[in-house]
Amino acid sequence: MTSTKKVGSTGRFGVRYGLTVRQKVLAIEKRQKMCYECPSCSKTAVKRVAKGIWACNKCSHKFTGKAFYLGE
């Protein structure tokens, strides 16, 4: 898998699909892999487990939310 600082995780697509589509995918993937603030313990330790399922690594609180990112 090819990945550089510029293209990040979308390097796996190579030159296919066009620049705009790859940039949108990169933005979505960056947000979904971020750590978010836990509503229960207020620590920044919430990660995405599956589509719509989120879990805190500190207090083990598991809850549902948006599919790709929390907030808004």
PDB file of N, CA and C in Angstrom:
ATOM      1  N   MET A   1       0.843  -1.171   0.000  1.00  0.00           N
ATOM      2  CA  MET A   1       0.000   0.000   0.000  1.00  0.00           C
ATOM      3  C   MET A   1       0.886   1.232   0.000  1.00  0.00           C
ATOM      4  N   THR A   2       0.610   2.147  -0.899  1.00  0.00           N
ATOM      5  CA  THR A   2       1.378   3.369  -1.006  1.00  0.00           C
ATOM      6  C   THR A   2       0.699   4.462  -0.202  1.00  0.00           C
ATOM      7  N   SER A   3       1.452   5.115   0.664  1.00  0.00           N
ATOM      8  CA  SER A   3       0.913   6.199   1.472  1.00  0.00           C
ATOM      9  C   SER A   3       2.003   7.223   1.702  1.00  0.00           C
ATOM     10  N   THR A   4       1.702   8.478   1.422  1.00  0.00           N
ATOM     11  CA  THR A   4       2.652   9.554   1.658  1.00  0.00           C
ATOM     12  C   THR A   4       1.996  10.605   2.537  1.00  0.00           C
ATOM     13  N   LYS A   5       2.761  11.603   2.939  1.00  0.00           N
ATOM     14  CA  LYS A   5       2.207  12.671   3.761  1.00  0.00           C
ATOM     15  C   LYS A   5       1.113  13.427   3.014  1.00  0.00           C
ATOM     16  N   LYS A   6       1.281  13.589   1.728  1.00  0.00           N
ATOM     17  CA  LYS A   6       0.352  14.398   0.948  1.00  0.00           C
ATOM     18  C   LYS A   6      -0.983  13.691   0.730  1.00  0.00           C
ATOM     19  N   VAL A   7      -0.968  12.429   0.369  1.00  0.00           N
ATOM     20  CA  VAL A   7      -2.212  11.730   0.039  1.00  0.00           C
ATOM     21  C   VAL A   7      -2.752  10.893   1.189  1.00  0.00           C
ATOM     22  N   GLY A   8      -1.915  10.607   2.180  1.00  0.00           N
ATOM     23  CA  GLY A   8      -2.363   9.863   3.353  1.00  0.00           C
ATOM     24  C   GLY A   8      -2.919   8.496   3.018  1.00  0.00           C
ATOM     25  N   SER A   9      -4.064   8.177   3.625  1.00  0.00           N
ATOM     26  CA  SER A   9      -4.649   6.849   3.450  1.00  0.00           C
ATOM     27  C   SER A   9      -5.256   6.634   2.073  1.00  0.00           C
ATOM     28  N   THR A  10      -5.434   7.702   1.294  1.00  0.00           N
ATOM     29  CA  THR A  10      -6.018   7.543  -0.040  1.00  0.00           C
ATOM     30  C   THR A  10      -4.978   7.155  -1.082  1.00  0.00           C
ATOM     31  N   GLY A  11      -3.742   6.956  -0.654  1.00  0.00           N
ATOM     32  CA  GLY A  11      -2.709   6.500  -1.563  1.00  0.00           C
ATOM     33  C   GLY A  11      -3.028   5.128  -2.127  1.00  0.00           C
ATOM     34  N   ARG A  12      -3.897   4.384  -1.452  1.00  0.00           N
ATOM     35  CA  ARG A  12      -4.277   3.053  -1.925  1.00  0.00           C
ATOM     36  C   ARG A  12      -5.081   3.106  -3.223  1.00  0.00           C
ATOM     37  N   PHE A  13      -5.641   4.290  -3.565  1.00  0.00           N
ATOM     38  CA  PHE A  13      -6.422   4.424  -4.790  1.00  0.00           C
ATOM     39  C   PHE A  13      -5.558   4.729  -6.010  1.00  0.00           C
ATOM     40  N   GLY A  14      -4.304   5.129  -5.779  1.00  0.00           N
ATOM     41  CA  GLY A  14      -3.430   5.473  -6.893  1.00  0.00           C
ATOM     42  C   GLY A  14      -3.927   6.712  -7.605  1.00  0.00           C
ATOM     43  N   VAL A  15      -3.969   6.658  -8.930  1.00  0.00           N
ATOM     44  CA  VAL A  15      -4.428   7.808  -9.713  1.00  0.00           C
ATOM     45  C   VAL A  15      -5.902   7.691 -10.089  1.00  0.00           C
ATOM     46  N   ARG A  16      -6.580   6.691  -9.582  1.00  0.00           N
ATOM     47  CA  ARG A  16      -7.983   6.469  -9.950  1.00  0.00           C
ATOM     48  C   ARG A  16      -8.938   7.408  -9.211  1.00  0.00           C
ATOM     49  N   TYR A  17     -10.108   7.595  -9.757  1.00  0.00           N
ATOM     50  CA  TYR A  17     -11.263   8.286  -9.156  1.00  0.00           C
ATOM     51  C   TYR A  17     -11.197   9.799  -9.133  1.00  0.00           C
ATOM     52  N   GLY A  18     -10.086  10.407  -9.431  1.00  0.00           N
ATOM     53  CA  GLY A  18     -10.003  11.866  -9.469  1.00  0.00           C
ATOM     54  C   GLY A  18      -9.598  12.471  -8.141  1.00  0.00           C
ATOM     55  N   LEU A  19      -9.011  13.644  -8.210  1.00  0.00           N
ATOM     56  CA  LEU A  19      -8.457  14.322  -7.037  1.00  0.00           C
ATOM     57  C   LEU A  19      -9.537  14.716  -6.030  1.00  0.00           C
ATOM     58  N   THR A  20     -10.647  15.268  -6.500  1.00  0.00           N
ATOM     59  CA  THR A  20     -11.688  15.756  -5.601  1.00  0.00           C
ATOM     60  C   THR A  20     -12.275  14.635  -4.760  1.00  0.00           C
ATOM     61  N   VAL A  21     -12.560  13.504  -5.374  1.00  0.00           N
ATOM     62  CA  VAL A  21     -13.130  12.374  -4.659  1.00  0.00           C
ATOM     63  C   VAL A  21     -12.152  11.858  -3.618  1.00  0.00           C
ATOM     64  N   ARG A  22     -10.880  11.748  -3.993  1.00  0.00           N
ATOM     65  CA  ARG A  22      -9.867  11.266  -3.040  1.00  0.00           C
ATOM     66  C   ARG A  22      -9.678  12.230  -1.876  1.00  0.00           C
ATOM     67  N   GLN A  23      -9.766  13.544  -2.123  1.00  0.00           N
ATOM     68  CA  GLN A  23      -9.639  14.521  -1.046  1.00  0.00           C
ATOM     69  C   GLN A  23     -10.816  14.424  -0.082  1.00  0.00           C
ATOM     70  N   LYS A  24     -12.025  14.187  -0.599  1.00  0.00           N
ATOM     71  CA  LYS A  24     -13.196  14.028   0.260  1.00  0.00           C
ATOM     72  C   LYS A  24     -13.079  12.778   1.116  1.00  0.00           C
ATOM     73  N   VAL A  25     -12.609  11.688   0.534  1.00  0.00           N
ATOM     74  CA  VAL A  25     -12.418  10.445   1.286  1.00  0.00           C
ATOM     75  C   VAL A  25     -11.370  10.649   2.374  1.00  0.00           C
ATOM     76  N   LEU A  26     -10.299  11.349   2.061  1.00  0.00           N
ATOM     77  CA  LEU A  26      -9.239  11.620   3.037  1.00  0.00           C
ATOM     78  C   LEU A  26      -9.779  12.417   4.224  1.00  0.00           C
ATOM     79  N   ALA A  27     -10.599  13.436   3.955  1.00  0.00           N
ATOM     80  CA  ALA A  27     -11.166  14.254   5.025  1.00  0.00           C
ATOM     81  C   ALA A  27     -12.068  13.418   5.929  1.00  0.00           C
ATOM     82  N   ILE A  28     -12.893  12.551   5.342  1.00  0.00           N
ATOM     83  CA  ILE A  28     -13.793  11.699   6.120  1.00  0.00           C
ATOM     84  C   ILE A  28     -12.995  10.715   6.957  1.00  0.00           C
ATOM     85  N   GLU A  29     -11.979  10.084   6.377  1.00  0.00           N
ATOM     86  CA  GLU A  29     -11.195   9.089   7.103  1.00  0.00           C
ATOM     87  C   GLU A  29     -10.393   9.709   8.240  1.00  0.00           C
ATOM     88  N   LYS A  30      -9.897  10.934   8.070  1.00  0.00           N
ATOM     89  CA  LYS A  30      -9.169  11.604   9.148  1.00  0.00           C
ATOM     90  C   LYS A  30     -10.092  11.853  10.330  1.00  0.00           C
ATOM     91  N   ARG A  31     -11.330  12.304  10.044  1.00  0.00           N
ATOM     92  CA  ARG A  31     -12.279  12.593  11.123  1.00  0.00           C
ATOM     93  C   ARG A  31     -12.737  11.333  11.833  1.00  0.00           C
ATOM     94  N   GLN A  32     -12.905  10.225  11.098  1.00  0.00           N
ATOM     95  CA  GLN A  32     -13.411   9.020  11.738  1.00  0.00           C
ATOM     96  C   GLN A  32     -12.343   8.308  12.557  1.00  0.00           C
ATOM     97  N   LYS A  33     -11.070   8.560  12.290  1.00  0.00           N
ATOM     98  CA  LYS A  33     -10.001   7.914  13.053  1.00  0.00           C
ATOM     99  C   LYS A  33      -9.505   8.762  14.224  1.00  0.00           C
ATOM    100  N   MET A  34     -10.068   9.966  14.368  1.00  0.00           N
ATOM    101  CA  MET A  34      -9.703  10.858  15.472  1.00  0.00           C
ATOM    102  C   MET A  34     -10.181  10.308  16.813  1.00  0.00           C
ATOM    103  N   CYS A  35      -9.598  10.825  17.881  1.00  0.00           N
ATOM    104  CA  CYS A  35     -10.101  10.546  19.227  1.00  0.00           C
ATOM    105  C   CYS A  35     -11.062  11.672  19.594  1.00  0.00           C
ATOM    106  N   TYR A  36     -12.210  11.313  20.167  1.00  0.00           N
ATOM    107  CA  TYR A  36     -13.201  12.288  20.571  1.00  0.00           C
ATOM    108  C   TYR A  36     -13.360  12.288  22.087  1.00  0.00           C
ATOM    109  N   GLU A  37     -14.045  13.291  22.606  1.00  0.00           N
ATOM    110  CA  GLU A  37     -14.255  13.416  24.048  1.00  0.00           C
ATOM    111  C   GLU A  37     -15.391  12.503  24.495  1.00  0.00           C
ATOM    112  N   CYS A  38     -15.159  11.793  25.573  1.00  0.00           N
ATOM    113  CA  CYS A  38     -16.147  10.866  26.127  1.00  0.00           C
ATOM    114  C   CYS A  38     -17.244  11.653  26.853  1.00  0.00           C
ATOM    115  N   PRO A  39     -18.530  11.346  26.587  1.00  0.00           N
ATOM    116  CA  PRO A  39     -19.608  12.047  27.283  1.00  0.00           C
ATOM    117  C   PRO A  39     -19.714  11.643  28.752  1.00  0.00           C
ATOM    118  N   SER A  40     -19.119  10.523  29.122  1.00  0.00           N
ATOM    119  CA  SER A  40     -19.232  10.033  30.488  1.00  0.00           C
ATOM    120  C   SER A  40     -18.072  10.492  31.381  1.00  0.00           C
ATOM    121  N   CYS A  41     -16.836  10.351  30.916  1.00  0.00           N
ATOM    122  CA  CYS A  41     -15.680  10.708  31.756  1.00  0.00           C
ATOM    123  C   CYS A  41     -14.957  11.978  31.294  1.00  0.00           C
ATOM    124  N   SER A  42     -15.361  12.550  30.179  1.00  0.00           N
ATOM    125  CA  SER A  42     -14.815  13.797  29.618  1.00  0.00           C
ATOM    126  C   SER A  42     -13.343  13.718  29.213  1.00  0.00           C
ATOM    127  N   LYS A  43     -12.812  12.531  28.999  1.00  0.00           N
ATOM    128  CA  LYS A  43     -11.436  12.370  28.501  1.00  0.00           C
ATOM    129  C   LYS A  43     -11.488  12.213  26.983  1.00  0.00           C
ATOM    130  N   THR A  44     -10.414  12.578  26.318  1.00  0.00           N
ATOM    131  CA  THR A  44     -10.328  12.437  24.872  1.00  0.00           C
ATOM    132  C   THR A  44      -9.811  11.045  24.552  1.00  0.00           C
ATOM    133  N   ALA A  45     -10.722  10.066  24.572  1.00  0.00           N
ATOM    134  CA  ALA A  45     -10.303   8.683  24.381  1.00  0.00           C
ATOM    135  C   ALA A  45     -11.343   7.845  23.653  1.00  0.00           C
ATOM    136  N   VAL A  46     -12.285   8.487  22.981  1.00  0.00           N
ATOM    137  CA  VAL A  46     -13.339   7.746  22.286  1.00  0.00           C
ATOM    138  C   VAL A  46     -12.891   7.438  20.869  1.00  0.00           C
ATOM    139  N   LYS A  47     -12.977   6.169  20.493  1.00  0.00           N
ATOM    140  CA  LYS A  47     -12.622   5.726  19.147  1.00  0.00           C
ATOM    141  C   LYS A  47     -13.805   5.000  18.538  1.00  0.00           C
ATOM    142  N   ARG A  48     -13.839   4.938  17.223  1.00  0.00           N
ATOM    143  CA  ARG A  48     -14.900   4.254  16.494  1.00  0.00           C
ATOM    144  C   ARG A  48     -14.631   2.760  16.499  1.00  0.00           C
ATOM    145  N   VAL A  49     -15.614   1.966  16.925  1.00  0.00           N
ATOM    146  CA  VAL A  49     -15.497   0.510  16.954  1.00  0.00           C
ATOM    147  C   VAL A  49     -16.034  -0.076  15.658  1.00  0.00           C
ATOM    148  N   ALA A  50     -17.207   0.366  15.260  1.00  0.00           N
ATOM    149  CA  ALA A  50     -17.856  -0.068  14.025  1.00  0.00           C
ATOM    150  C   ALA A  50     -18.743   1.084  13.570  1.00  0.00           C
ATOM    151  N   LYS A  51     -19.458   0.881  12.480  1.00  0.00           N
ATOM    152  CA  LYS A  51     -20.313   1.940  11.965  1.00  0.00           C
ATOM    153  C   LYS A  51     -21.364   2.324  13.010  1.00  0.00           C
ATOM    154  N   GLY A  52     -21.259   3.537  13.542  1.00  0.00           N
ATOM    155  CA  GLY A  52     -22.211   4.035  14.512  1.00  0.00           C
ATOM    156  C   GLY A  52     -21.969   3.599  15.947  1.00  0.00           C
ATOM    157  N   ILE A  53     -20.932   2.814  16.208  1.00  0.00           N
ATOM    158  CA  ILE A  53     -20.633   2.355  17.564  1.00  0.00           C
ATOM    159  C   ILE A  53     -19.303   2.961  18.009  1.00  0.00           C
ATOM    160  N   TRP A  54     -19.321   3.603  19.170  1.00  0.00           N
ATOM    161  CA  TRP A  54     -18.164   4.302  19.705  1.00  0.00           C
ATOM    162  C   TRP A  54     -17.874   3.794  21.100  1.00  0.00           C
ATOM    163  N   ALA A  55     -16.602   3.728  21.479  1.00  0.00           N
ATOM    164  CA  ALA A  55     -16.218   3.240  22.804  1.00  0.00           C
ATOM    165  C   ALA A  55     -15.071   4.079  23.360  1.00  0.00           C
ATOM    166  N   CYS A  56     -15.150   4.339  24.671  1.00  0.00           N
ATOM    167  CA  CYS A  56     -14.095   5.066  25.371  1.00  0.00           C
ATOM    168  C   CYS A  56     -13.045   4.067  25.837  1.00  0.00           C
ATOM    169  N   ASN A  57     -11.790   4.353  25.582  1.00  0.00           N
ATOM    170  CA  ASN A  57     -10.698   3.471  25.988  1.00  0.00           C
ATOM    171  C   ASN A  57     -10.373   3.599  27.473  1.00  0.00           C
ATOM    172  N   LYS A  58     -10.785   4.685  28.120  1.00  0.00           N
ATOM    173  CA  LYS A  58     -10.482   4.914  29.532  1.00  0.00           C
ATOM    174  C   LYS A  58     -11.529   4.277  30.448  1.00  0.00           C
ATOM    175  N   CYS A  59     -12.817   4.598  30.211  1.00  0.00           N
ATOM    176  CA  CYS A  59     -13.862   4.137  31.129  1.00  0.00           C
ATOM    177  C   CYS A  59     -14.709   3.003  30.547  1.00  0.00           C
ATOM    178  N   SER A  60     -14.390   2.543  29.356  1.00  0.00           N
ATOM    179  CA  SER A  60     -15.084   1.443  28.670  1.00  0.00           C
ATOM    180  C   SER A  60     -16.554   1.737  28.397  1.00  0.00           C
ATOM    181  N   HIS A  61     -16.927   3.000  28.358  1.00  0.00           N
ATOM    182  CA  HIS A  61     -18.301   3.389  28.042  1.00  0.00           C
ATOM    183  C   HIS A  61     -18.523   3.186  26.550  1.00  0.00           C
ATOM    184  N   LYS A  62     -19.550   2.431  26.180  1.00  0.00           N
ATOM    185  CA  LYS A  62     -19.849   2.151  24.779  1.00  0.00           C
ATOM    186  C   LYS A  62     -21.197   2.766  24.454  1.00  0.00           C
ATOM    187  N   PHE A  63     -21.278   3.479  23.342  1.00  0.00           N
ATOM    188  CA  PHE A  63     -22.513   4.158  22.977  1.00  0.00           C
ATOM    189  C   PHE A  63     -22.616   4.290  21.460  1.00  0.00           C
ATOM    190  N   THR A  64     -23.792   4.744  20.994  1.00  0.00           N
ATOM    191  CA  THR A  64     -23.999   4.907  19.560  1.00  0.00           C
ATOM    192  C   THR A  64     -23.938   6.383  19.207  1.00  0.00           C
ATOM    193  N   GLY A  65     -23.658   6.638  17.945  1.00  0.00           N
ATOM    194  CA  GLY A  65     -23.577   8.004  17.458  1.00  0.00           C
ATOM    195  C   GLY A  65     -23.656   7.985  15.945  1.00  0.00           C
ATOM    196  N   LYS A  66     -23.136   9.011  15.330  1.00  0.00           N
ATOM    197  CA  LYS A  66     -23.130   9.061  13.874  1.00  0.00           C
ATOM    198  C   LYS A  66     -22.200   7.985  13.322  1.00  0.00           C
ATOM    199  N   ALA A  67     -22.387   7.651  12.068  1.00  0.00           N
ATOM    200  CA  ALA A  67     -21.669   6.536  11.470  1.00  0.00           C
ATOM    201  C   ALA A  67     -20.161   6.790  11.334  1.00  0.00           C
ATOM    202  N   PHE A  68     -19.779   7.982  10.894  1.00  0.00           N
ATOM    203  CA  PHE A  68     -18.377   8.223  10.589  1.00  0.00           C
ATOM    204  C   PHE A  68     -17.665   9.119  11.581  1.00  0.00           C
ATOM    205  N   TYR A  69     -18.373  10.031  12.255  1.00  0.00           N
ATOM    206  CA  TYR A  69     -17.741  10.913  13.233  1.00  0.00           C
ATOM    207  C   TYR A  69     -18.776  11.386  14.241  1.00  0.00           C
ATOM    208  N   LEU A  70     -18.301  11.784  15.409  1.00  0.00           N
ATOM    209  CA  LEU A  70     -19.183  12.282  16.459  1.00  0.00           C
ATOM    210  C   LEU A  70     -19.318  13.791  16.350  1.00  0.00           C
ATOM    211  N   GLY A  71     -20.304  14.345  17.000  1.00  0.00           N
ATOM    212  CA  GLY A  71     -20.461  15.787  17.085  1.00  0.00           C
ATOM    213  C   GLY A  71     -21.382  16.351  16.025  1.00  0.00           C
ATOM    214  N   GLU A  72     -21.606  17.635  16.133  1.00  0.00           N
ATOM    215  CA  GLU A  72     -22.451  18.426  15.240  1.00  0.00           C
ATOM    216  C   GLU A  72     -23.785  17.818  15.092  1.00  0.00           C
TER     217      GLU A  72
END
